[in-house]
Amino acid sequence: MSDQPDEILTIDEVATYLKAGKRTVYRLAASGKIPAFKLGGTWRFRRDELNQWIASSIGKAAVGGEDGGAE
């Protein structure tokens, strides 16, 4: 996997990148919790959007941790 910010990734590549299961990635994409789009019926992900999502999620976790984790 290259580190181009505009790179388009598949579910398999995202699962490897996030160290998560493919089902988890699919479920997150289908529910709109992770930035994704469909191309020809299959999920695709932009690396730069994933990185922004990760950074945002980390920020929310830090804030949640300070106030007892309620969201």
PDB file of N, CA and C in Angstrom:
ATOM      1  N   MET A   1       0.841  -1.182   0.000  1.00  0.00           N
ATOM      2  CA  MET A   1       0.000   0.000   0.000  1.00  0.00           C
ATOM      3  C   MET A   1       0.887   1.248   0.000  1.00  0.00           C
ATOM      4  N   SER A   2       0.633   2.136  -0.939  1.00  0.00           N
ATOM      5  CA  SER A   2       1.408   3.378  -0.980  1.00  0.00           C
ATOM      6  C   SER A   2       0.804   4.380  -0.005  1.00  0.00           C
ATOM      7  N   ASP A   3       1.503   5.478   0.178  1.00  0.00           N
ATOM      8  CA  ASP A   3       1.025   6.490   1.129  1.00  0.00           C
ATOM      9  C   ASP A   3       0.506   7.731   0.431  1.00  0.00           C
ATOM     10  N   GLN A   4      -0.038   7.590  -0.784  1.00  0.00           N
ATOM     11  CA  GLN A   4      -0.603   8.727  -1.484  1.00  0.00           C
ATOM     12  C   GLN A   4      -1.892   9.138  -0.793  1.00  0.00           C
ATOM     13  N   PRO A   5      -2.046  10.419  -0.462  1.00  0.00           N
ATOM     14  CA  PRO A   5      -3.244  10.842   0.266  1.00  0.00           C
ATOM     15  C   PRO A   5      -4.527  10.660  -0.531  1.00  0.00           C
ATOM     16  N   ASP A   6      -4.452  10.711  -1.869  1.00  0.00           N
ATOM     17  CA  ASP A   6      -5.657  10.574  -2.672  1.00  0.00           C
ATOM     18  C   ASP A   6      -5.896   9.133  -3.120  1.00  0.00           C
ATOM     19  N   GLU A   7      -5.161   8.195  -2.517  1.00  0.00           N
ATOM     20  CA  GLU A   7      -5.275   6.791  -2.873  1.00  0.00           C
ATOM     21  C   GLU A   7      -6.661   6.252  -2.511  1.00  0.00           C
ATOM     22  N   ILE A   8      -7.197   5.392  -3.384  1.00  0.00           N
ATOM     23  CA  ILE A   8      -8.477   4.735  -3.154  1.00  0.00           C
ATOM     24  C   ILE A   8      -8.187   3.320  -2.677  1.00  0.00           C
ATOM     25  N   LEU A   9      -8.816   2.925  -1.566  1.00  0.00           N
ATOM     26  CA  LEU A   9      -8.569   1.620  -0.954  1.00  0.00           C
ATOM     27  C   LEU A   9      -9.815   0.741  -1.018  1.00  0.00           C
ATOM     28  N   THR A  10      -9.600  -0.570  -1.005  1.00  0.00           N
ATOM     29  CA  THR A  10     -10.684  -1.547  -0.948  1.00  0.00           C
ATOM     30  C   THR A  10     -10.955  -1.921   0.512  1.00  0.00           C
ATOM     31  N   ILE A  11     -12.003  -2.687   0.732  1.00  0.00           N
ATOM     32  CA  ILE A  11     -12.315  -3.159   2.095  1.00  0.00           C
ATOM     33  C   ILE A  11     -11.141  -3.959   2.655  1.00  0.00           C
ATOM     34  N   ASP A  12     -10.564  -4.842   1.851  1.00  0.00           N
ATOM     35  CA  ASP A  12      -9.424  -5.640   2.318  1.00  0.00           C
ATOM     36  C   ASP A  12      -8.273  -4.749   2.760  1.00  0.00           C
ATOM     37  N   GLU A  13      -7.976  -3.733   1.958  1.00  0.00           N
ATOM     38  CA  GLU A  13      -6.863  -2.833   2.284  1.00  0.00           C
ATOM     39  C   GLU A  13      -7.158  -2.012   3.531  1.00  0.00           C
ATOM     40  N   VAL A  14      -8.409  -1.569   3.679  1.00  0.00           N
ATOM     41  CA  VAL A  14      -8.786  -0.786   4.868  1.00  0.00           C
ATOM     42  C   VAL A  14      -8.729  -1.665   6.113  1.00  0.00           C
ATOM     43  N   ALA A  15      -9.182  -2.900   5.988  1.00  0.00           N
ATOM     44  CA  ALA A  15      -9.129  -3.821   7.131  1.00  0.00           C
ATOM     45  C   ALA A  15      -7.682  -4.007   7.582  1.00  0.00           C
ATOM     46  N   THR A  16      -6.778  -4.162   6.639  1.00  0.00           N
ATOM     47  CA  THR A  16      -5.357  -4.292   6.972  1.00  0.00           C
ATOM     48  C   THR A  16      -4.843  -2.996   7.588  1.00  0.00           C
ATOM     49  N   TYR A  17      -5.178  -1.867   6.982  1.00  0.00           N
ATOM     50  CA  TYR A  17      -4.718  -0.555   7.451  1.00  0.00           C
ATOM     51  C   TYR A  17      -5.186  -0.282   8.883  1.00  0.00           C
ATOM     52  N   LEU A  18      -6.441  -0.617   9.173  1.00  0.00           N
ATOM     53  CA  LEU A  18      -7.004  -0.354  10.507  1.00  0.00           C
ATOM     54  C   LEU A  18      -6.785  -1.507  11.483  1.00  0.00           C
ATOM     55  N   LYS A  19      -6.231  -2.620  10.965  1.00  0.00           N
ATOM     56  CA  LYS A  19      -6.053  -3.827  11.774  1.00  0.00           C
ATOM     57  C   LYS A  19      -7.398  -4.254  12.367  1.00  0.00           C
ATOM     58  N   ALA A  20      -8.383  -4.337  11.481  1.00  0.00           N
ATOM     59  CA  ALA A  20      -9.746  -4.718  11.864  1.00  0.00           C
ATOM     60  C   ALA A  20     -10.228  -5.792  10.898  1.00  0.00           C
ATOM     61  N   GLY A  21     -11.304  -6.438  11.247  1.00  0.00           N
ATOM     62  CA  GLY A  21     -11.884  -7.446  10.369  1.00  0.00           C
ATOM     63  C   GLY A  21     -12.620  -6.808   9.207  1.00  0.00           C
ATOM     64  N   LYS A  22     -12.712  -7.540   8.103  1.00  0.00           N
ATOM     65  CA  LYS A  22     -13.435  -7.030   6.932  1.00  0.00           C
ATOM     66  C   LYS A  22     -14.905  -6.788   7.256  1.00  0.00           C
ATOM     67  N   ARG A  23     -15.491  -7.658   8.060  1.00  0.00           N
ATOM     68  CA  ARG A  23     -16.900  -7.465   8.443  1.00  0.00           C
ATOM     69  C   ARG A  23     -17.091  -6.172   9.223  1.00  0.00           C
ATOM     70  N   THR A  24     -16.159  -5.873  10.096  1.00  0.00           N
ATOM     71  CA  THR A  24     -16.229  -4.638  10.875  1.00  0.00           C
ATOM     72  C   THR A  24     -16.173  -3.432   9.952  1.00  0.00           C
ATOM     73  N   VAL A  25     -15.243  -3.441   9.002  1.00  0.00           N
ATOM     74  CA  VAL A  25     -15.107  -2.329   8.054  1.00  0.00           C
ATOM     75  C   VAL A  25     -16.384  -2.199   7.222  1.00  0.00           C
ATOM     76  N   TYR A  26     -16.904  -3.315   6.743  1.00  0.00           N
ATOM     77  CA  TYR A  26     -18.139  -3.298   5.961  1.00  0.00           C
ATOM     78  C   TYR A  26     -19.283  -2.700   6.773  1.00  0.00           C
ATOM     79  N   ARG A  27     -19.420  -3.146   8.016  1.00  0.00           N
ATOM     80  CA  ARG A  27     -20.497  -2.663   8.888  1.00  0.00           C
ATOM     81  C   ARG A  27     -20.371  -1.153   9.130  1.00  0.00           C
ATOM     82  N   LEU A  28     -19.137  -0.681   9.375  1.00  0.00           N
ATOM     83  CA  LEU A  28     -18.918   0.752   9.579  1.00  0.00           C
ATOM     84  C   LEU A  28     -19.273   1.548   8.329  1.00  0.00           C
ATOM     85  N   ALA A  29     -18.893   1.036   7.156  1.00  0.00           N
ATOM     86  CA  ALA A  29     -19.190   1.723   5.896  1.00  0.00           C
ATOM     87  C   ALA A  29     -20.694   1.749   5.638  1.00  0.00           C
ATOM     88  N   ALA A  30     -21.348   0.608   5.800  1.00  0.00           N
ATOM     89  CA  ALA A  30     -22.781   0.505   5.530  1.00  0.00           C
ATOM     90  C   ALA A  30     -23.605   1.390   6.456  1.00  0.00           C
ATOM     91  N   SER A  31     -23.126   1.596   7.678  1.00  0.00           N
ATOM     92  CA  SER A  31     -23.863   2.425   8.639  1.00  0.00           C
ATOM     93  C   SER A  31     -23.477   3.900   8.558  1.00  0.00           C
ATOM     94  N   GLY A  32     -22.512   4.228   7.700  1.00  0.00           N
ATOM     95  CA  GLY A  32     -22.107   5.624   7.534  1.00  0.00           C
ATOM     96  C   GLY A  32     -21.187   6.127   8.625  1.00  0.00           C
ATOM     97  N   LYS A  33     -20.623   5.231   9.420  1.00  0.00           N
ATOM     98  CA  LYS A  33     -19.755   5.643  10.521  1.00  0.00           C
ATOM     99  C   LYS A  33     -18.319   5.859  10.084  1.00  0.00           C
ATOM    100  N   ILE A  34     -17.976   5.402   8.886  1.00  0.00           N
ATOM    101  CA  ILE A  34     -16.634   5.570   8.341  1.00  0.00           C
ATOM    102  C   ILE A  34     -16.812   6.144   6.931  1.00  0.00           C
ATOM    103  N   PRO A  35     -15.963   7.090   6.520  1.00  0.00           N
ATOM    104  CA  PRO A  35     -16.132   7.690   5.189  1.00  0.00           C
ATOM    105  C   PRO A  35     -15.859   6.671   4.081  1.00  0.00           C
ATOM    106  N   ALA A  36     -16.861   6.465   3.234  1.00  0.00           N
ATOM    107  CA  ALA A  36     -16.756   5.473   2.166  1.00  0.00           C
ATOM    108  C   ALA A  36     -17.730   5.827   1.055  1.00  0.00           C
ATOM    109  N   PHE A  37     -17.527   5.210  -0.097  1.00  0.00           N
ATOM    110  CA  PHE A  37     -18.461   5.356  -1.204  1.00  0.00           C
ATOM    111  C   PHE A  37     -18.501   4.037  -1.963  1.00  0.00           C
ATOM    112  N   LYS A  38     -19.576   3.851  -2.706  1.00  0.00           N
ATOM    113  CA  LYS A  38     -19.708   2.615  -3.488  1.00  0.00           C
ATOM    114  C   LYS A  38     -19.330   2.897  -4.936  1.00  0.00           C
ATOM    115  N   LEU A  39     -18.593   1.969  -5.512  1.00  0.00           N
ATOM    116  CA  LEU A  39     -18.207   2.029  -6.913  1.00  0.00           C
ATOM    117  C   LEU A  39     -18.531   0.667  -7.516  1.00  0.00           C
ATOM    118  N   GLY A  40     -19.511   0.634  -8.390  1.00  0.00           N
ATOM    119  CA  GLY A  40     -19.913  -0.630  -8.989  1.00  0.00           C
ATOM    120  C   GLY A  40     -20.406  -1.643  -7.969  1.00  0.00           C
ATOM    121  N   GLY A  41     -21.005  -1.175  -6.899  1.00  0.00           N
ATOM    122  CA  GLY A  41     -21.556  -2.071  -5.889  1.00  0.00           C
ATOM    123  C   GLY A  41     -20.567  -2.510  -4.816  1.00  0.00           C
ATOM    124  N   THR A  42     -19.324  -2.049  -4.895  1.00  0.00           N
ATOM    125  CA  THR A  42     -18.341  -2.405  -3.869  1.00  0.00           C
ATOM    126  C   THR A  42     -17.860  -1.148  -3.159  1.00  0.00           C
ATOM    127  N   TRP A  43     -17.558  -1.299  -1.892  1.00  0.00           N
ATOM    128  CA  TRP A  43     -17.121  -0.170  -1.083  1.00  0.00           C
ATOM    129  C   TRP A  43     -15.705   0.232  -1.433  1.00  0.00           C
ATOM    130  N   ARG A  44     -15.463   1.548  -1.470  1.00  0.00           N
ATOM    131  CA  ARG A  44     -14.140   2.130  -1.680  1.00  0.00           C
ATOM    132  C   ARG A  44     -13.944   3.234  -0.643  1.00  0.00           C
ATOM    133  N   PHE A  45     -12.693   3.501  -0.335  1.00  0.00           N
ATOM    134  CA  PHE A  45     -12.342   4.441   0.730  1.00  0.00           C
ATOM    135  C   PHE A  45     -11.178   5.306   0.272  1.00  0.00           C
ATOM    136  N   ARG A  46     -11.225   6.599   0.571  1.00  0.00           N
ATOM    137  CA  ARG A  46     -10.107   7.492   0.282  1.00  0.00           C
ATOM    138  C   ARG A  46      -9.197   7.538   1.509  1.00  0.00           C
ATOM    139  N   ARG A  47      -7.910   7.306   1.276  1.00  0.00           N
ATOM    140  CA  ARG A  47      -6.954   7.262   2.381  1.00  0.00           C
ATOM    141  C   ARG A  47      -6.983   8.546   3.204  1.00  0.00           C
ATOM    142  N   ASP A  48      -7.018   9.720   2.551  1.00  0.00           N
ATOM    143  CA  ASP A  48      -6.988  10.969   3.307  1.00  0.00           C
ATOM    144  C   ASP A  48      -8.231  11.131   4.177  1.00  0.00           C
ATOM    145  N   GLU A  49      -9.394  10.685   3.689  1.00  0.00           N
ATOM    146  CA  GLU A  49     -10.618  10.755   4.506  1.00  0.00           C
ATOM    147  C   GLU A  49     -10.539   9.796   5.694  1.00  0.00           C
ATOM    148  N   LEU A  50      -9.956   8.622   5.478  1.00  0.00           N
ATOM    149  CA  LEU A  50      -9.771   7.679   6.585  1.00  0.00           C
ATOM    150  C   LEU A  50      -8.865   8.276   7.654  1.00  0.00           C
ATOM    151  N   ASN A  51      -7.779   8.897   7.224  1.00  0.00           N
ATOM    152  CA  ASN A  51      -6.854   9.505   8.182  1.00  0.00           C
ATOM    153  C   ASN A  51      -7.537  10.615   8.977  1.00  0.00           C
ATOM    154  N   GLN A  52      -8.383  11.411   8.310  1.00  0.00           N
ATOM    155  CA  GLN A  52      -9.133  12.455   9.018  1.00  0.00           C
ATOM    156  C   GLN A  52     -10.123  11.834   9.997  1.00  0.00           C
ATOM    157  N   TRP A  53     -10.772  10.758   9.583  1.00  0.00           N
ATOM    158  CA  TRP A  53     -11.727  10.062  10.445  1.00  0.00           C
ATOM    159  C   TRP A  53     -11.021   9.500  11.683  1.00  0.00           C
ATOM    160  N   ILE A  54      -9.842   8.918  11.474  1.00  0.00           N
ATOM    161  CA  ILE A  54      -9.062   8.378  12.591  1.00  0.00           C
ATOM    162  C   ILE A  54      -8.697   9.494  13.559  1.00  0.00           C
ATOM    163  N   ALA A  55      -8.187  10.604  13.034  1.00  0.00           N
ATOM    164  CA  ALA A  55      -7.799  11.737  13.885  1.00  0.00           C
ATOM    165  C   ALA A  55      -8.996  12.275  14.656  1.00  0.00           C
ATOM    166  N   SER A  56     -10.137  12.364  13.992  1.00  0.00           N
ATOM    167  CA  SER A  56     -11.355  12.842  14.642  1.00  0.00           C
ATOM    168  C   SER A  56     -11.808  11.868  15.732  1.00  0.00           C
ATOM    169  N   SER A  57     -11.734  10.578  15.439  1.00  0.00           N
ATOM    170  CA  SER A  57     -12.143   9.567  16.411  1.00  0.00           C
ATOM    171  C   SER A  57     -11.243   9.573  17.632  1.00  0.00           C
ATOM    172  N   ILE A  58      -9.970   9.772  17.415  1.00  0.00           N
ATOM    173  CA  ILE A  58      -9.023   9.847  18.534  1.00  0.00           C
ATOM    174  C   ILE A  58      -9.348  11.053  19.408  1.00  0.00           C
ATOM    175  N   GLY A  59      -9.664  12.171  18.770  1.00  0.00           N
ATOM    176  CA  GLY A  59     -10.030  13.377  19.510  1.00  0.00           C
ATOM    177  C   GLY A  59     -11.272  13.168  20.340  1.00  0.00           C
ATOM    178  N   LYS A  60     -12.277  12.483  19.780  1.00  0.00           N
ATOM    179  CA  LYS A  60     -13.519  12.213  20.512  1.00  0.00           C
ATOM    180  C   LYS A  60     -13.257  11.278  21.683  1.00  0.00           C
ATOM    181  N   ALA A  61     -12.388  10.284  21.480  1.00  0.00           N
ATOM    182  CA  ALA A  61     -12.073   9.341  22.550  1.00  0.00           C
ATOM    183  C   ALA A  61     -11.384  10.054  23.703  1.00  0.00           C
ATOM    184  N   ALA A  62     -10.486  10.988  23.383  1.00  0.00           N
ATOM    185  CA  ALA A  62      -9.776  11.726  24.422  1.00  0.00           C
ATOM    186  C   ALA A  62     -10.743  12.588  25.213  1.00  0.00           C
ATOM    187  N   VAL A  63     -11.673  13.247  24.524  1.00  0.00           N
ATOM    188  CA  VAL A  63     -12.664  14.087  25.193  1.00  0.00           C
ATOM    189  C   VAL A  63     -13.580  13.212  26.033  1.00  0.00           C
ATOM    190  N   GLY A  64     -14.030  12.094  25.466  1.00  0.00           N
ATOM    191  CA  GLY A  64     -14.917  11.183  26.195  1.00  0.00           C
ATOM    192  C   GLY A  64     -14.254  10.612  27.428  1.00  0.00           C
ATOM    193  N   GLY A  65     -12.961  10.354  27.344  1.00  0.00           N
ATOM    194  CA  GLY A  65     -12.233   9.798  28.473  1.00  0.00           C
ATOM    195  C   GLY A  65     -12.132  10.745  29.646  1.00  0.00           C
ATOM    196  N   GLU A  66     -12.157  12.044  29.343  1.00  0.00           N
ATOM    197  CA  GLU A  66     -12.035  13.032  30.406  1.00  0.00           C
ATOM    198  C   GLU A  66     -13.318  13.203  31.199  1.00  0.00           C
ATOM    199  N   ASP A  67     -14.474  12.966  30.543  1.00  0.00           N
ATOM    200  CA  ASP A  67     -15.729  13.193  31.243  1.00  0.00           C
ATOM    201  C   ASP A  67     -16.455  11.896  31.571  1.00  0.00           C
ATOM    202  N   GLY A  68     -15.727  10.796  31.601  1.00  0.00           N
ATOM    203  CA  GLY A  68     -16.338   9.535  31.971  1.00  0.00           C
ATOM    204  C   GLY A  68     -16.736   8.693  30.786  1.00  0.00           C
ATOM    205  N   GLY A  69     -16.492   9.180  29.560  1.00  0.00           N
ATOM    206  CA  GLY A  69     -16.750   8.398  28.369  1.00  0.00           C
ATOM    207  C   GLY A  69     -18.158   8.503  27.820  1.00  0.00           C
ATOM    208  N   ALA A  70     -18.988   9.380  28.361  1.00  0.00           N
ATOM    209  CA  ALA A  70     -20.354   9.502  27.861  1.00  0.00           C
ATOM    210  C   ALA A  70     -20.360  10.265  26.541  1.00  0.00           C
ATOM    211  N   GLU A  71     -21.065   9.682  25.562  1.00  0.00           N
ATOM    212  CA  GLU A  71     -21.251  10.382  24.272  1.00  0.00           C
ATOM    213  C   GLU A  71     -22.656  10.244  23.825  1.00  0.00           C
TER     214      GLU A  71
END
